[in-house]
Amino acid sequence: MYAIIRTGGKQYQVAAGDTLRVEKLQGNVGDTIELADILMVVDGENVRIGTPVLDDAKVTARIAEQGRAKKVVVFKKKRRQGYRVKKGHRQQYTALIIEEISAK
């Protein structure tokens, strides 16, 4: 059984026991959260597709980690102008462990 979920403007295919990193969600490590934007649930031969979401399906996940990704360096330069800008960015993320997919 697996589901297609939407969070942080992206879509992910998840199954029970999977670990995935998503855009930062509110909560502390160990908290249980419910993801409500379920686009599709597949259970063997039974496939349910939402229009656009399934109202009676939910995915339960536990927050495993709140962290920041590796630094991305942004460097801008214009030749012969003396213009150089160097910036860095570290994106925040939440690591989730999928515990249960329930669809009625």
PDB file of N, CA and C in Angstrom:
ATOM      1  N   MET A   1       0.848  -1.181   0.000  1.00  0.00           N
ATOM      2  CA  MET A   1       0.000   0.000   0.000  1.00  0.00           C
ATOM      3  C   MET A   1       0.887   1.235   0.000  1.00  0.00           C
ATOM      4  N   TYR A   2       0.596   2.178  -0.887  1.00  0.00           N
ATOM      5  CA  TYR A   2       1.323   3.432  -0.894  1.00  0.00           C
ATOM      6  C   TYR A   2       0.377   4.575  -1.236  1.00  0.00           C
ATOM      7  N   ALA A   3       0.859   5.787  -1.003  1.00  0.00           N
ATOM      8  CA  ALA A   3       0.044   6.978  -1.252  1.00  0.00           C
ATOM      9  C   ALA A   3       0.918   8.046  -1.892  1.00  0.00           C
ATOM     10  N   ILE A   4       0.272   8.942  -2.617  1.00  0.00           N
ATOM     11  CA  ILE A   4       0.923  10.129  -3.152  1.00  0.00           C
ATOM     12  C   ILE A   4       0.420  11.300  -2.308  1.00  0.00           C
ATOM     13  N   ILE A   5       1.358  12.006  -1.649  1.00  0.00           N
ATOM     14  CA  ILE A   5       0.982  13.134  -0.798  1.00  0.00           C
ATOM     15  C   ILE A   5       1.567  14.415  -1.359  1.00  0.00           C
ATOM     16  N   ARG A   6       0.991  15.536  -0.932  1.00  0.00           N
ATOM     17  CA  ARG A   6       1.492  16.848  -1.339  1.00  0.00           C
ATOM     18  C   ARG A   6       1.775  17.660  -0.084  1.00  0.00           C
ATOM     19  N   THR A   7       3.015  18.147   0.032  1.00  0.00           N
ATOM     20  CA  THR A   7       3.395  19.017   1.136  1.00  0.00           C
ATOM     21  C   THR A   7       4.551  19.889   0.686  1.00  0.00           C
ATOM     22  N   GLY A   8       4.540  21.123   1.091  1.00  0.00           N
ATOM     23  CA  GLY A   8       5.612  22.039   0.739  1.00  0.00           C
ATOM     24  C   GLY A   8       5.684  22.342  -0.743  1.00  0.00           C
ATOM     25  N   GLY A   9       4.569  22.206  -1.467  1.00  0.00           N
ATOM     26  CA  GLY A   9       4.562  22.483  -2.892  1.00  0.00           C
ATOM     27  C   GLY A   9       5.130  21.363  -3.741  1.00  0.00           C
ATOM     28  N   LYS A  10       5.409  20.215  -3.141  1.00  0.00           N
ATOM     29  CA  LYS A  10       5.967  19.082  -3.867  1.00  0.00           C
ATOM     30  C   LYS A  10       5.122  17.838  -3.598  1.00  0.00           C
ATOM     31  N   GLN A  11       5.259  16.834  -4.459  1.00  0.00           N
ATOM     32  CA  GLN A  11       4.526  15.586  -4.294  1.00  0.00           C
ATOM     33  C   GLN A  11       5.512  14.459  -4.006  1.00  0.00           C
ATOM     34  N   TYR A  12       5.112  13.544  -3.125  1.00  0.00           N
ATOM     35  CA  TYR A  12       5.957  12.434  -2.708  1.00  0.00           C
ATOM     36  C   TYR A  12       5.158  11.148  -2.715  1.00  0.00           C
ATOM     37  N   GLN A  13       5.803  10.043  -3.110  1.00  0.00           N
ATOM     38  CA  GLN A  13       5.204   8.723  -2.984  1.00  0.00           C
ATOM     39  C   GLN A  13       5.719   8.109  -1.687  1.00  0.00           C
ATOM     40  N   VAL A  14       4.803   7.718  -0.792  1.00  0.00           N
ATOM     41  CA  VAL A  14       5.198   7.208   0.514  1.00  0.00           C
ATOM     42  C   VAL A  14       4.502   5.880   0.794  1.00  0.00           C
ATOM     43  N   ALA A  15       5.172   5.060   1.595  1.00  0.00           N
ATOM     44  CA  ALA A  15       4.604   3.812   2.103  1.00  0.00           C
ATOM     45  C   ALA A  15       4.930   3.746   3.590  1.00  0.00           C
ATOM     46  N   ALA A  16       4.265   2.866   4.312  1.00  0.00           N
ATOM     47  CA  ALA A  16       4.507   2.741   5.747  1.00  0.00           C
ATOM     48  C   ALA A  16       5.953   2.319   5.990  1.00  0.00           C
ATOM     49  N   GLY A  17       6.627   3.012   6.919  1.00  0.00           N
ATOM     50  CA  GLY A  17       8.010   2.719   7.239  1.00  0.00           C
ATOM     51  C   GLY A  17       9.019   3.566   6.482  1.00  0.00           C
ATOM     52  N   ASP A  18       8.579   4.328   5.492  1.00  0.00           N
ATOM     53  CA  ASP A  18       9.487   5.177   4.717  1.00  0.00           C
ATOM     54  C   ASP A  18       9.956   6.370   5.537  1.00  0.00           C
ATOM     55  N   THR A  19      11.160   6.853   5.226  1.00  0.00           N
ATOM     56  CA  THR A  19      11.694   8.082   5.801  1.00  0.00           C
ATOM     57  C   THR A  19      11.866   9.065   4.666  1.00  0.00           C
ATOM     58  N   LEU A  20      11.384  10.301   4.856  1.00  0.00           N
ATOM     59  CA  LEU A  20      11.547  11.287   3.805  1.00  0.00           C
ATOM     60  C   LEU A  20      11.747  12.665   4.383  1.00  0.00           C
ATOM     61  N   ARG A  21      12.458  13.503   3.625  1.00  0.00           N
ATOM     62  CA  ARG A  21      12.707  14.889   4.021  1.00  0.00           C
ATOM     63  C   ARG A  21      11.770  15.796   3.242  1.00  0.00           C
ATOM     64  N   VAL A  22      11.063  16.655   3.971  1.00  0.00           N
ATOM     65  CA  VAL A  22      10.139  17.600   3.348  1.00  0.00           C
ATOM     66  C   VAL A  22      10.503  19.007   3.815  1.00  0.00           C
ATOM     67  N   GLU A  23       9.864  20.007   3.208  1.00  0.00           N
ATOM     68  CA  GLU A  23      10.052  21.378   3.651  1.00  0.00           C
ATOM     69  C   GLU A  23       9.640  21.467   5.121  1.00  0.00           C
ATOM     70  N   LYS A  24      10.172  22.422   5.833  1.00  0.00           N
ATOM     71  CA  LYS A  24       9.988  22.527   7.283  1.00  0.00           C
ATOM     72  C   LYS A  24       8.516  22.556   7.671  1.00  0.00           C
ATOM     73  N   LEU A  25       8.182  21.694   8.646  1.00  0.00           N
ATOM     74  CA  LEU A  25       6.845  21.653   9.238  1.00  0.00           C
ATOM     75  C   LEU A  25       6.963  22.004  10.712  1.00  0.00           C
ATOM     76  N   GLN A  26       5.912  22.563  11.278  1.00  0.00           N
ATOM     77  CA  GLN A  26       5.911  22.923  12.693  1.00  0.00           C
ATOM     78  C   GLN A  26       5.802  21.666  13.541  1.00  0.00           C
ATOM     79  N   GLY A  27       6.559  21.627  14.617  1.00  0.00           N
ATOM     80  CA  GLY A  27       6.496  20.501  15.547  1.00  0.00           C
ATOM     81  C   GLY A  27       7.869  20.177  16.085  1.00  0.00           C
ATOM     82  N   ASN A  28       7.886  19.370  17.129  1.00  0.00           N
ATOM     83  CA  ASN A  28       9.128  18.951  17.754  1.00  0.00           C
ATOM     84  C   ASN A  28       9.426  17.504  17.391  1.00  0.00           C
ATOM     85  N   VAL A  29      10.681  17.106  17.592  1.00  0.00           N
ATOM     86  CA  VAL A  29      11.085  15.731  17.315  1.00  0.00           C
ATOM     87  C   VAL A  29      10.278  14.787  18.202  1.00  0.00           C
ATOM     88  N   GLY A  30       9.705  13.763  17.595  1.00  0.00           N
ATOM     89  CA  GLY A  30       8.882  12.803  18.317  1.00  0.00           C
ATOM     90  C   GLY A  30       7.394  13.060  18.190  1.00  0.00           C
ATOM     91  N   ASP A  31       6.994  14.245  17.758  1.00  0.00           N
ATOM     92  CA  ASP A  31       5.576  14.558  17.587  1.00  0.00           C
ATOM     93  C   ASP A  31       4.991  13.759  16.427  1.00  0.00           C
ATOM     94  N   THR A  32       3.705  13.461  16.527  1.00  0.00           N
ATOM     95  CA  THR A  32       2.980  12.786  15.461  1.00  0.00           C
ATOM     96  C   THR A  32       2.141  13.817  14.728  1.00  0.00           C
ATOM     97  N   ILE A  33       2.208  13.794  13.395  1.00  0.00           N
ATOM     98  CA  ILE A  33       1.428  14.731  12.595  1.00  0.00           C
ATOM     99  C   ILE A  33       0.614  13.958  11.567  1.00  0.00           C
ATOM    100  N   GLU A  34      -0.454  14.593  11.105  1.00  0.00           N
ATOM    101  CA  GLU A  34      -1.281  14.014  10.048  1.00  0.00           C
ATOM    102  C   GLU A  34      -1.125  14.869   8.806  1.00  0.00           C
ATOM    103  N   LEU A  35      -0.855  14.215   7.691  1.00  0.00           N
ATOM    104  CA  LEU A  35      -0.764  14.899   6.408  1.00  0.00           C
ATOM    105  C   LEU A  35      -2.111  14.740   5.718  1.00  0.00           C
ATOM    106  N   ALA A  36      -2.706  15.863   5.340  1.00  0.00           N
ATOM    107  CA  ALA A  36      -4.086  15.840   4.861  1.00  0.00           C
ATOM    108  C   ALA A  36      -4.204  15.866   3.338  1.00  0.00           C
ATOM    109  N   ASP A  37      -3.213  16.396   2.635  1.00  0.00           N
ATOM    110  CA  ASP A  37      -3.297  16.485   1.174  1.00  0.00           C
ATOM    111  C   ASP A  37      -2.876  15.159   0.547  1.00  0.00           C
ATOM    112  N   ILE A  38      -3.813  14.215   0.487  1.00  0.00           N
ATOM    113  CA  ILE A  38      -3.559  12.901  -0.100  1.00  0.00           C
ATOM    114  C   ILE A  38      -4.157  12.912  -1.501  1.00  0.00           C
ATOM    115  N   LEU A  39      -3.304  12.750  -2.509  1.00  0.00           N
ATOM    116  CA  LEU A  39      -3.755  12.829  -3.892  1.00  0.00           C
ATOM    117  C   LEU A  39      -4.192  11.473  -4.439  1.00  0.00           C
ATOM    118  N   MET A  40      -3.544  10.391  -3.970  1.00  0.00           N
ATOM    119  CA  MET A  40      -3.877   9.066  -4.482  1.00  0.00           C
ATOM    120  C   MET A  40      -3.476   8.014  -3.456  1.00  0.00           C
ATOM    121  N   VAL A  41      -4.277   6.942  -3.366  1.00  0.00           N
ATOM    122  CA  VAL A  41      -3.964   5.807  -2.496  1.00  0.00           C
ATOM    123  C   VAL A  41      -4.091   4.541  -3.336  1.00  0.00           C
ATOM    124  N   VAL A  42      -3.044   3.704  -3.278  1.00  0.00           N
ATOM    125  CA  VAL A  42      -3.041   2.435  -4.010  1.00  0.00           C
ATOM    126  C   VAL A  42      -2.894   1.318  -2.991  1.00  0.00           C
ATOM    127  N   ASP A  43      -3.871   0.396  -3.002  1.00  0.00           N
ATOM    128  CA  ASP A  43      -3.854  -0.755  -2.092  1.00  0.00           C
ATOM    129  C   ASP A  43      -4.055  -2.007  -2.940  1.00  0.00           C
ATOM    130  N   GLY A  44      -2.968  -2.563  -3.439  1.00  0.00           N
ATOM    131  CA  GLY A  44      -3.054  -3.740  -4.313  1.00  0.00           C
ATOM    132  C   GLY A  44      -3.714  -3.362  -5.632  1.00  0.00           C
ATOM    133  N   GLU A  45      -4.871  -3.971  -5.902  1.00  0.00           N
ATOM    134  CA  GLU A  45      -5.615  -3.684  -7.133  1.00  0.00           C
ATOM    135  C   GLU A  45      -6.530  -2.468  -6.986  1.00  0.00           C
ATOM    136  N   ASN A  46      -6.784  -2.050  -5.757  1.00  0.00           N
ATOM    137  CA  ASN A  46      -7.689  -0.935  -5.493  1.00  0.00           C
ATOM    138  C   ASN A  46      -6.926   0.391  -5.579  1.00  0.00           C
ATOM    139  N   VAL A  47      -7.286   1.238  -6.551  1.00  0.00           N
ATOM    140  CA  VAL A  47      -6.643   2.539  -6.745  1.00  0.00           C
ATOM    141  C   VAL A  47      -7.700   3.618  -6.578  1.00  0.00           C
ATOM    142  N   ARG A  48      -7.420   4.562  -5.671  1.00  0.00           N
ATOM    143  CA  ARG A  48      -8.340   5.690  -5.458  1.00  0.00           C
ATOM    144  C   ARG A  48      -7.605   6.977  -5.772  1.00  0.00           C
ATOM    145  N   ILE A  49      -8.173   7.779  -6.657  1.00  0.00           N
ATOM    146  CA  ILE A  49      -7.563   9.039  -7.078  1.00  0.00           C
ATOM    147  C   ILE A  49      -8.478  10.173  -6.652  1.00  0.00           C
ATOM    148  N   GLY A  50      -7.901  11.195  -6.024  1.00  0.00           N
ATOM    149  CA  GLY A  50      -8.671  12.335  -5.545  1.00  0.00           C
ATOM    150  C   GLY A  50      -8.912  13.356  -6.635  1.00  0.00           C
ATOM    151  N   THR A  51      -9.888  14.228  -6.392  1.00  0.00           N
ATOM    152  CA  THR A  51     -10.203  15.300  -7.340  1.00  0.00           C
ATOM    153  C   THR A  51     -10.273  16.632  -6.614  1.00  0.00           C
ATOM    154  N   PRO A  52      -9.233  17.298  -6.232  1.00  0.00           N
ATOM    155  CA  PRO A  52      -7.828  16.915  -6.349  1.00  0.00           C
ATOM    156  C   PRO A  52      -7.317  16.101  -5.168  1.00  0.00           C
ATOM    157  N   VAL A  53      -8.018  16.117  -4.002  1.00  0.00           N
ATOM    158  CA  VAL A  53      -7.538  15.355  -2.843  1.00  0.00           C
ATOM    159  C   VAL A  53      -8.618  14.398  -2.373  1.00  0.00           C
ATOM    160  N   LEU A  54      -8.185  13.355  -1.640  1.00  0.00           N
ATOM    161  CA  LEU A  54      -9.115  12.420  -1.014  1.00  0.00           C
ATOM    162  C   LEU A  54      -9.445  12.936   0.381  1.00  0.00           C
ATOM    163  N   ASP A  55     -10.723  13.139   0.654  1.00  0.00           N
ATOM    164  CA  ASP A  55     -11.133  13.716   1.937  1.00  0.00           C
ATOM    165  C   ASP A  55     -11.065  12.712   3.081  1.00  0.00           C
ATOM    166  N   ASP A  56     -11.303  11.434   2.814  1.00  0.00           N
ATOM    167  CA  ASP A  56     -11.367  10.449   3.888  1.00  0.00           C
ATOM    168  C   ASP A  56     -10.066   9.677   4.092  1.00  0.00           C
ATOM    169  N   ALA A  57      -8.992  10.076   3.418  1.00  0.00           N
ATOM    170  CA  ALA A  57      -7.697   9.405   3.589  1.00  0.00           C
ATOM    171  C   ALA A  57      -6.764  10.292   4.393  1.00  0.00           C
ATOM    172  N   LYS A  58      -5.858   9.644   5.135  1.00  0.00           N
ATOM    173  CA  LYS A  58      -4.864  10.412   5.875  1.00  0.00           C
ATOM    174  C   LYS A  58      -3.603   9.585   6.038  1.00  0.00           C
ATOM    175  N   VAL A  59      -2.499  10.295   6.165  1.00  0.00           N
ATOM    176  CA  VAL A  59      -1.198   9.664   6.386  1.00  0.00           C
ATOM    177  C   VAL A  59      -0.686  10.174   7.726  1.00  0.00           C
ATOM    178  N   THR A  60      -0.329   9.246   8.601  1.00  0.00           N
ATOM    179  CA  THR A  60       0.204   9.593   9.914  1.00  0.00           C
ATOM    180  C   THR A  60       1.718   9.419   9.879  1.00  0.00           C
ATOM    181  N   ALA A  61       2.431  10.453  10.346  1.00  0.00           N
ATOM    182  CA  ALA A  61       3.895  10.413  10.331  1.00  0.00           C
ATOM    183  C   ALA A  61       4.425  10.932  11.661  1.00  0.00           C
ATOM    184  N   ARG A  62       5.650  10.527  11.984  1.00  0.00           N
ATOM    185  CA  ARG A  62       6.330  10.985  13.190  1.00  0.00           C
ATOM    186  C   ARG A  62       7.539  11.799  12.769  1.00  0.00           C
ATOM    187  N   ILE A  63       7.764  12.934  13.454  1.00  0.00           N
ATOM    188  CA  ILE A  63       8.902  13.792  13.139  1.00  0.00           C
ATOM    189  C   ILE A  63      10.158  13.153  13.716  1.00  0.00           C
ATOM    190  N   ALA A  64      11.114  12.842  12.829  1.00  0.00           N
ATOM    191  CA  ALA A  64      12.357  12.203  13.250  1.00  0.00           C
ATOM    192  C   ALA A  64      13.469  13.223  13.456  1.00  0.00           C
ATOM    193  N   GLU A  65      13.416  14.337  12.713  1.00  0.00           N
ATOM    194  CA  GLU A  65      14.508  15.310  12.788  1.00  0.00           C
ATOM    195  C   GLU A  65      14.041  16.647  12.241  1.00  0.00           C
ATOM    196  N   GLN A  66      14.526  17.713  12.865  1.00  0.00           N
ATOM    197  CA  GLN A  66      14.368  19.075  12.350  1.00  0.00           C
ATOM    198  C   GLN A  66      15.785  19.565  12.075  1.00  0.00           C
ATOM    199  N   GLY A  67      16.085  19.933  10.861  1.00  0.00           N
ATOM    200  CA  GLY A  67      17.469  20.299  10.578  1.00  0.00           C
ATOM    201  C   GLY A  67      17.596  21.275   9.432  1.00  0.00           C
ATOM    202  N   ARG A  68      18.848  21.503   9.053  1.00  0.00           N
ATOM    203  CA  ARG A  68      19.167  22.392   7.945  1.00  0.00           C
ATOM    204  C   ARG A  68      20.066  21.639   6.973  1.00  0.00           C
ATOM    205  N   ALA A  69      19.809  21.805   5.692  1.00  0.00           N
ATOM    206  CA  ALA A  69      20.566  21.105   4.661  1.00  0.00           C
ATOM    207  C   ALA A  69      21.941  21.730   4.496  1.00  0.00           C
ATOM    208  N   LYS A  70      22.752  21.143   3.638  1.00  0.00           N
ATOM    209  CA  LYS A  70      24.076  21.678   3.360  1.00  0.00           C
ATOM    210  C   LYS A  70      23.956  23.044   2.707  1.00  0.00           C
ATOM    211  N   LYS A  71      24.983  23.859   2.883  1.00  0.00           N
ATOM    212  CA  LYS A  71      24.967  25.215   2.365  1.00  0.00           C
ATOM    213  C   LYS A  71      25.083  25.219   0.841  1.00  0.00           C
ATOM    214  N   VAL A  72      24.252  26.043   0.218  1.00  0.00           N
ATOM    215  CA  VAL A  72      24.326  26.297  -1.211  1.00  0.00           C
ATOM    216  C   VAL A  72      24.938  27.676  -1.382  1.00  0.00           C
ATOM    217  N   VAL A  73      26.031  27.778  -2.142  1.00  0.00           N
ATOM    218  CA  VAL A  73      26.716  29.044  -2.340  1.00  0.00           C
ATOM    219  C   VAL A  73      26.209  29.683  -3.628  1.00  0.00           C
ATOM    220  N   VAL A  74      25.799  30.957  -3.532  1.00  0.00           N
ATOM    221  CA  VAL A  74      25.340  31.725  -4.684  1.00  0.00           C
ATOM    222  C   VAL A  74      26.396  32.791  -4.946  1.00  0.00           C
ATOM    223  N   PHE A  75      27.015  32.739  -6.119  1.00  0.00           N
ATOM    224  CA  PHE A  75      28.087  33.673  -6.465  1.00  0.00           C
ATOM    225  C   PHE A  75      27.721  34.380  -7.747  1.00  0.00           C
ATOM    226  N   LYS A  76      27.674  35.723  -7.700  1.00  0.00           N
ATOM    227  CA  LYS A  76      27.364  36.535  -8.875  1.00  0.00           C
ATOM    228  C   LYS A  76      28.579  37.370  -9.229  1.00  0.00           C
ATOM    229  N   LYS A  77      28.803  37.525 -10.526  1.00  0.00           N
ATOM    230  CA  LYS A  77      29.960  38.302 -10.960  1.00  0.00           C
ATOM    231  C   LYS A  77      29.672  38.901 -12.316  1.00  0.00           C
ATOM    232  N   LYS A  78      30.123  40.141 -12.507  1.00  0.00           N
ATOM    233  CA  LYS A  78      30.075  40.765 -13.832  1.00  0.00           C
ATOM    234  C   LYS A  78      31.507  41.077 -14.238  1.00  0.00           C
ATOM    235  N   ARG A  79      31.907  40.594 -15.351  1.00  0.00           N
ATOM    236  CA  ARG A  79      33.301  40.759 -15.752  1.00  0.00           C
ATOM    237  C   ARG A  79      33.633  42.228 -16.026  1.00  0.00           C
ATOM    238  N   ARG A  80      34.812  42.581 -15.631  1.00  0.00           N
ATOM    239  CA  ARG A  80      35.394  43.925 -15.846  1.00  0.00           C
ATOM    240  C   ARG A  80      34.634  45.040 -15.126  1.00  0.00           C
ATOM    241  N   GLN A  81      33.756  44.736 -14.209  1.00  0.00           N
ATOM    242  CA  GLN A  81      32.990  45.778 -13.524  1.00  0.00           C
ATOM    243  C   GLN A  81      33.346  45.866 -12.039  1.00  0.00           C
ATOM    244  N   GLY A  82      34.085  44.914 -11.542  1.00  0.00           N
ATOM    245  CA  GLY A  82      34.407  44.904 -10.118  1.00  0.00           C
ATOM    246  C   GLY A  82      33.219  44.493  -9.264  1.00  0.00           C
ATOM    247  N   TYR A  83      32.220  43.831  -9.868  1.00  0.00           N
ATOM    248  CA  TYR A  83      30.998  43.430  -9.159  1.00  0.00           C
ATOM    249  C   TYR A  83      31.093  41.955  -8.808  1.00  0.00           C
ATOM    250  N   ARG A  84      31.148  41.658  -7.500  1.00  0.00           N
ATOM    251  CA  ARG A  84      31.158  40.284  -7.017  1.00  0.00           C
ATOM    252  C   ARG A  84      30.312  40.207  -5.759  1.00  0.00           C
ATOM    253  N   VAL A  85      29.391  39.250  -5.724  1.00  0.00           N
ATOM    254  CA  VAL A  85      28.537  39.035  -4.553  1.00  0.00           C
ATOM    255  C   VAL A  85      28.552  37.546  -4.235  1.00  0.00           C
ATOM    256  N   LYS A  86      28.825  37.218  -2.992  1.00  0.00           N
ATOM    257  CA  LYS A  86      28.815  35.827  -2.560  1.00  0.00           C
ATOM    258  C   LYS A  86      27.843  35.692  -1.393  1.00  0.00           C
ATOM    259  N   LYS A  87      26.847  34.828  -1.566  1.00  0.00           N
ATOM    260  CA  LYS A  87      25.854  34.583  -0.532  1.00  0.00           C
ATOM    261  C   LYS A  87      25.729  33.089  -0.314  1.00  0.00           C
ATOM    262  N   GLY A  88      25.247  32.708   0.847  1.00  0.00           N
ATOM    263  CA  GLY A  88      25.009  31.305   1.151  1.00  0.00           C
ATOM    264  C   GLY A  88      23.598  31.122   1.682  1.00  0.00           C
ATOM    265  N   HIS A  89      23.074  29.899   1.507  1.00  0.00           N
ATOM    266  CA  HIS A  89      21.718  29.605   1.975  1.00  0.00           C
ATOM    267  C   HIS A  89      21.670  28.159   2.468  1.00  0.00           C
ATOM    268  N   ARG A  90      21.049  27.948   3.624  1.00  0.00           N
ATOM    269  CA  ARG A  90      20.810  26.607   4.147  1.00  0.00           C
ATOM    270  C   ARG A  90      19.309  26.425   4.337  1.00  0.00           C
ATOM    271  N   GLN A  91      18.716  25.521   3.556  1.00  0.00           N
ATOM    272  CA  GLN A  91      17.282  25.284   3.590  1.00  0.00           C
ATOM    273  C   GLN A  91      16.927  24.440   4.814  1.00  0.00           C
ATOM    274  N   GLN A  92      15.879  24.827   5.523  1.00  0.00           N
ATOM    275  CA  GLN A  92      15.416  24.044   6.673  1.00  0.00           C
ATOM    276  C   GLN A  92      14.529  22.904   6.174  1.00  0.00           C
ATOM    277  N   TYR A  93      14.608  21.768   6.868  1.00  0.00           N
ATOM    278  CA  TYR A  93      13.815  20.604   6.482  1.00  0.00           C
ATOM    279  C   TYR A  93      13.306  19.882   7.724  1.00  0.00           C
ATOM    280  N   THR A  94      12.334  19.008   7.495  1.00  0.00           N
ATOM    281  CA  THR A  94      11.807  18.121   8.521  1.00  0.00           C
ATOM    282  C   THR A  94      11.887  16.698   7.984  1.00  0.00           C
ATOM    283  N   ALA A  95      12.516  15.811   8.727  1.00  0.00           N
ATOM    284  CA  ALA A  95      12.579  14.397   8.344  1.00  0.00           C
ATOM    285  C   ALA A  95      11.394  13.673   8.997  1.00  0.00           C
ATOM    286  N   LEU A  96      10.624  12.953   8.187  1.00  0.00           N
ATOM    287  CA  LEU A  96       9.427  12.252   8.658  1.00  0.00           C
ATOM    288  C   LEU A  96       9.595  10.762   8.499  1.00  0.00           C
ATOM    289  N   ILE A  97       9.034  10.007   9.444  1.00  0.00           N
ATOM    290  CA  ILE A  97       8.921   8.561   9.328  1.00  0.00           C
ATOM    291  C   ILE A  97       7.431   8.264   9.170  1.00  0.00           C
ATOM    292  N   ILE A  98       7.054   7.677   8.053  1.00  0.00           N
ATOM    293  CA  ILE A  98       5.652   7.381   7.768  1.00  0.00           C
ATOM    294  C   ILE A  98       5.238   6.167   8.601  1.00  0.00           C
ATOM    295  N   GLU A  99       4.214   6.339   9.413  1.00  0.00           N
ATOM    296  CA  GLU A  99       3.785   5.260  10.290  1.00  0.00           C
ATOM    297  C   GLU A  99       2.578   4.509   9.744  1.00  0.00           C
ATOM    298  N   GLU A 100       1.611   5.242   9.172  1.00  0.00           N
ATOM    299  CA  GLU A 100       0.375   4.579   8.764  1.00  0.00           C
ATOM    300  C   GLU A 100      -0.289   5.340   7.633  1.00  0.00           C
ATOM    301  N   ILE A 101      -0.867   4.585   6.707  1.00  0.00           N
ATOM    302  CA  ILE A 101      -1.702   5.156   5.652  1.00  0.00           C
ATOM    303  C   ILE A 101      -3.087   4.568   5.843  1.00  0.00           C
ATOM    304  N   SER A 102      -4.072   5.439   6.029  1.00  0.00           N
ATOM    305  CA  SER A 102      -5.432   4.930   6.236  1.00  0.00           C
ATOM    306  C   SER A 102      -6.361   5.557   5.210  1.00  0.00           C
ATOM    307  N   ALA A 103      -7.128   4.714   4.553  1.00  0.00           N
ATOM    308  CA  ALA A 103      -8.117   5.147   3.561  1.00  0.00           C
ATOM    309  C   ALA A 103      -9.381   4.355   3.807  1.00  0.00           C
ATOM    310  N   LYS A 104     -10.498   5.051   3.895  1.00  0.00           N
ATOM    311  CA  LYS A 104     -11.763   4.371   4.196  1.00  0.00           C
ATOM    312  C   LYS A 104     -12.486   3.989   2.928  1.00  0.00           C
TER     313      LYS A 104
END
